[in-house]
């Protein structure tokens, strides 16, 4: 396995569960809206927003894990460019997580969900 700096590996391992939690939360809220209010013209925007959040998080999760697997396969060392790309993606995701969480919370508040 290529040498991946410990700090980068730690950031990678820290962000994955956060992304999973956001995907889970968006699915949970979407399910709750569907159960309580059905799919109507009124709920369409919220359901669409939640689906978009889940898809964006899923895409980012897949991109990041695939990139890390490719880097791990590089022998004997990963290039600094590859490590920089991964680091930049992690930072981008870390910056996006609060916005995703806020969007989910706003939808929950709009629909009176706890």
C-alpha atoms as a PDB file:
ATOM      1  CA  UNK A   1       0.000   0.000   0.000  1.00  0.00           C
ATOM      2  CA  UNK A   2       1.185   3.471  -0.805  1.00  0.00           C
ATOM      3  CA  UNK A   3       2.189   5.590   2.124  1.00  0.00           C
ATOM      4  CA  UNK A   4      -0.740   7.809   3.016  1.00  0.00           C
ATOM      5  CA  UNK A   5       0.075  10.461   5.611  1.00  0.00           C
ATOM      6  CA  UNK A   6      -1.527   9.651   8.963  1.00  0.00           C
ATOM      7  CA  UNK A   7      -3.264  13.032   9.147  1.00  0.00           C
ATOM      8  CA  UNK A   8      -4.893  12.493   5.750  1.00  0.00           C
ATOM      9  CA  UNK A   9      -5.946   8.962   6.666  1.00  0.00           C
ATOM     10  CA  UNK A  10      -7.397  10.198   9.969  1.00  0.00           C
ATOM     11  CA  UNK A  11      -9.384  12.921   8.173  1.00  0.00           C
ATOM     12  CA  UNK A  12     -10.652  10.360   5.672  1.00  0.00           C
ATOM     13  CA  UNK A  13     -11.755   7.977   8.415  1.00  0.00           C
ATOM     14  CA  UNK A  14     -13.373  10.821  10.353  1.00  0.00           C
ATOM     15  CA  UNK A  15     -15.466  12.156   7.485  1.00  0.00           C
ATOM     16  CA  UNK A  16     -16.915   8.845   6.275  1.00  0.00           C
ATOM     17  CA  UNK A  17     -19.231   8.292   9.262  1.00  0.00           C
ATOM     18  CA  UNK A  18     -20.329  11.936   9.098  1.00  0.00           C
ATOM     19  CA  UNK A  19     -21.367  11.488   5.481  1.00  0.00           C
ATOM     20  CA  UNK A  20     -23.198   8.270   6.340  1.00  0.00           C
ATOM     21  CA  UNK A  21     -25.065  10.020   9.141  1.00  0.00           C
ATOM     22  CA  UNK A  22     -26.220  12.778   6.806  1.00  0.00           C
ATOM     23  CA  UNK A  23     -27.389  10.235   4.213  1.00  0.00           C
ATOM     24  CA  UNK A  24     -29.235   8.362   6.944  1.00  0.00           C
ATOM     25  CA  UNK A  25     -30.798  11.512   8.390  1.00  0.00           C
ATOM     26  CA  UNK A  26     -32.017  12.713   5.006  1.00  0.00           C
ATOM     27  CA  UNK A  27     -33.573   9.292   4.330  1.00  0.00           C
ATOM     28  CA  UNK A  28     -35.148   9.223   7.771  1.00  0.00           C
ATOM     29  CA  UNK A  29     -36.709  12.669   7.388  1.00  0.00           C
ATOM     30  CA  UNK A  30     -37.904  11.833   3.888  1.00  0.00           C
ATOM     31  CA  UNK A  31     -39.538   8.656   5.192  1.00  0.00           C
ATOM     32  CA  UNK A  32     -41.177  10.530   8.060  1.00  0.00           C
ATOM     33  CA  UNK A  33     -42.610  13.168   5.717  1.00  0.00           C
ATOM     34  CA  UNK A  34     -43.956  10.481   3.416  1.00  0.00           C
ATOM     35  CA  UNK A  35     -45.519   8.598   6.331  1.00  0.00           C
ATOM     36  CA  UNK A  36     -47.148  11.652   7.868  1.00  0.00           C
ATOM     37  CA  UNK A  37     -48.065  13.748   4.845  1.00  0.00           C
ATOM     38  CA  UNK A  38     -47.773  11.516   1.758  1.00  0.00           C
ATOM     39  CA  UNK A  39     -46.308  12.756  -1.475  1.00  0.00           C
ATOM     40  CA  UNK A  40     -48.241  15.858  -2.402  1.00  0.00           C
ATOM     41  CA  UNK A  41     -47.596  19.156  -4.119  1.00  0.00           C
ATOM     42  CA  UNK A  42     -46.822  20.602  -0.696  1.00  0.00           C
ATOM     43  CA  UNK A  43     -44.229  17.958   0.186  1.00  0.00           C
ATOM     44  CA  UNK A  44     -42.564  17.703  -3.229  1.00  0.00           C
ATOM     45  CA  UNK A  45     -39.945  20.398  -2.624  1.00  0.00           C
ATOM     46  CA  UNK A  46     -38.894  18.998   0.744  1.00  0.00           C
ATOM     47  CA  UNK A  47     -38.721  15.439  -0.569  1.00  0.00           C
ATOM     48  CA  UNK A  48     -36.732  16.560  -3.578  1.00  0.00           C
ATOM     49  CA  UNK A  49     -34.304  18.525  -1.413  1.00  0.00           C
ATOM     50  CA  UNK A  50     -33.763  15.568   0.876  1.00  0.00           C
ATOM     51  CA  UNK A  51     -33.195  13.273  -2.097  1.00  0.00           C
ATOM     52  CA  UNK A  52     -30.692  15.730  -3.550  1.00  0.00           C
ATOM     53  CA  UNK A  53     -28.797  15.934  -0.264  1.00  0.00           C
ATOM     54  CA  UNK A  54     -28.645  12.151  -0.018  1.00  0.00           C
ATOM     55  CA  UNK A  55     -27.472  11.843  -3.638  1.00  0.00           C
ATOM     56  CA  UNK A  56     -24.776  14.505  -3.255  1.00  0.00           C
ATOM     57  CA  UNK A  57     -23.479  12.905  -0.068  1.00  0.00           C
ATOM     58  CA  UNK A  58     -23.563   9.466  -1.669  1.00  0.00           C
ATOM     59  CA  UNK A  59     -21.678  10.698  -4.718  1.00  0.00           C
ATOM     60  CA  UNK A  60     -19.032  12.383  -2.587  1.00  0.00           C
ATOM     61  CA  UNK A  61     -18.679   9.306  -0.383  1.00  0.00           C
ATOM     62  CA  UNK A  62     -18.166   7.095  -3.436  1.00  0.00           C
ATOM     63  CA  UNK A  63     -15.730   9.491  -5.076  1.00  0.00           C
ATOM     64  CA  UNK A  64     -13.652   9.783  -1.942  1.00  0.00           C
ATOM     65  CA  UNK A  65     -13.497   6.071  -1.158  1.00  0.00           C
ATOM     66  CA  UNK A  66     -12.702   5.205  -4.782  1.00  0.00           C
ATOM     67  CA  UNK A  67      -9.933   7.795  -4.897  1.00  0.00           C
ATOM     68  CA  UNK A  68      -8.441   6.499  -1.642  1.00  0.00           C
ATOM     69  CA  UNK A  69      -8.520   2.930  -2.968  1.00  0.00           C
ATOM     70  CA  UNK A  70      -6.713   4.055  -6.126  1.00  0.00           C
ATOM     71  CA  UNK A  71      -4.103   5.865  -4.057  1.00  0.00           C
ATOM     72  CA  UNK A  72      -3.637   2.827  -1.838  1.00  0.00           C
ATOM     73  CA  UNK A  73      -2.909   0.770  -4.959  1.00  0.00           C
ATOM     74  CA  UNK A  74      -0.158   3.087  -6.181  1.00  0.00           C
ATOM     75  CA  UNK A  75       3.243   1.633  -5.489  1.00  0.00           C
ATOM     76  CA  UNK A  76       5.585   2.412  -3.905  1.00  0.00           C
ATOM     77  CA  UNK A  77       4.337   5.919  -3.114  1.00  0.00           C
ATOM     78  CA  UNK A  78       1.355   8.055  -3.880  1.00  0.00           C
ATOM     79  CA  UNK A  79       2.150  11.224  -5.762  1.00  0.00           C
ATOM     80  CA  UNK A  80       1.859  14.516  -3.962  1.00  0.00           C
ATOM     81  CA  UNK A  81      -0.732  15.601  -6.554  1.00  0.00           C
ATOM     82  CA  UNK A  82      -2.933  12.601  -5.696  1.00  0.00           C
ATOM     83  CA  UNK A  83      -2.659  13.308  -1.990  1.00  0.00           C
ATOM     84  CA  UNK A  84      -3.447  16.991  -2.564  1.00  0.00           C
ATOM     85  CA  UNK A  85      -6.565  16.098  -4.553  1.00  0.00           C
ATOM     86  CA  UNK A  86      -7.793  13.815  -1.751  1.00  0.00           C
ATOM     87  CA  UNK A  87      -6.988  16.416   0.882  1.00  0.00           C
ATOM     88  CA  UNK A  88      -8.868  19.084  -1.074  1.00  0.00           C
ATOM     89  CA  UNK A  89     -11.889  16.783  -1.481  1.00  0.00           C
ATOM     90  CA  UNK A  90     -11.945  16.057   2.238  1.00  0.00           C
ATOM     91  CA  UNK A  91     -11.787  19.760   3.090  1.00  0.00           C
ATOM     92  CA  UNK A  92     -14.554  20.475   0.585  1.00  0.00           C
ATOM     93  CA  UNK A  93     -16.733  17.813   2.177  1.00  0.00           C
ATOM     94  CA  UNK A  94     -15.954  19.007   5.688  1.00  0.00           C
ATOM     95  CA  UNK A  95     -17.123  22.456   4.620  1.00  0.00           C
ATOM     96  CA  UNK A  96     -20.308  21.088   3.013  1.00  0.00           C
ATOM     97  CA  UNK A  97     -21.415  18.939   5.964  1.00  0.00           C
ATOM     98  CA  UNK A  98     -22.761  21.835   8.077  1.00  0.00           C
ATOM     99  CA  UNK A  99     -24.799  23.113   5.116  1.00  0.00           C
ATOM    100  CA  UNK A 100     -26.300  19.669   4.536  1.00  0.00           C
ATOM    101  CA  UNK A 101     -27.144  19.362   8.219  1.00  0.00           C
ATOM    102  CA  UNK A 102     -28.720  22.827   8.307  1.00  0.00           C
ATOM    103  CA  UNK A 103     -30.836  22.051   5.259  1.00  0.00           C
ATOM    104  CA  UNK A 104     -32.132  18.869   6.859  1.00  0.00           C
ATOM    105  CA  UNK A 105     -32.877  20.707  10.116  1.00  0.00           C
ATOM    106  CA  UNK A 106     -34.739  23.454   8.259  1.00  0.00           C
ATOM    107  CA  UNK A 107     -36.897  20.877   6.510  1.00  0.00           C
ATOM    108  CA  UNK A 108     -37.594  19.155   9.826  1.00  0.00           C
ATOM    109  CA  UNK A 109     -38.589  22.481  11.375  1.00  0.00           C
ATOM    110  CA  UNK A 110     -40.764  23.424   8.394  1.00  0.00           C
ATOM    111  CA  UNK A 111     -42.692  20.156   8.749  1.00  0.00           C
ATOM    112  CA  UNK A 112     -42.805  20.090  12.554  1.00  0.00           C
ATOM    113  CA  UNK A 113     -40.630  16.990  12.855  1.00  0.00           C
ATOM    114  CA  UNK A 114     -38.431  16.383  15.852  1.00  0.00           C
END
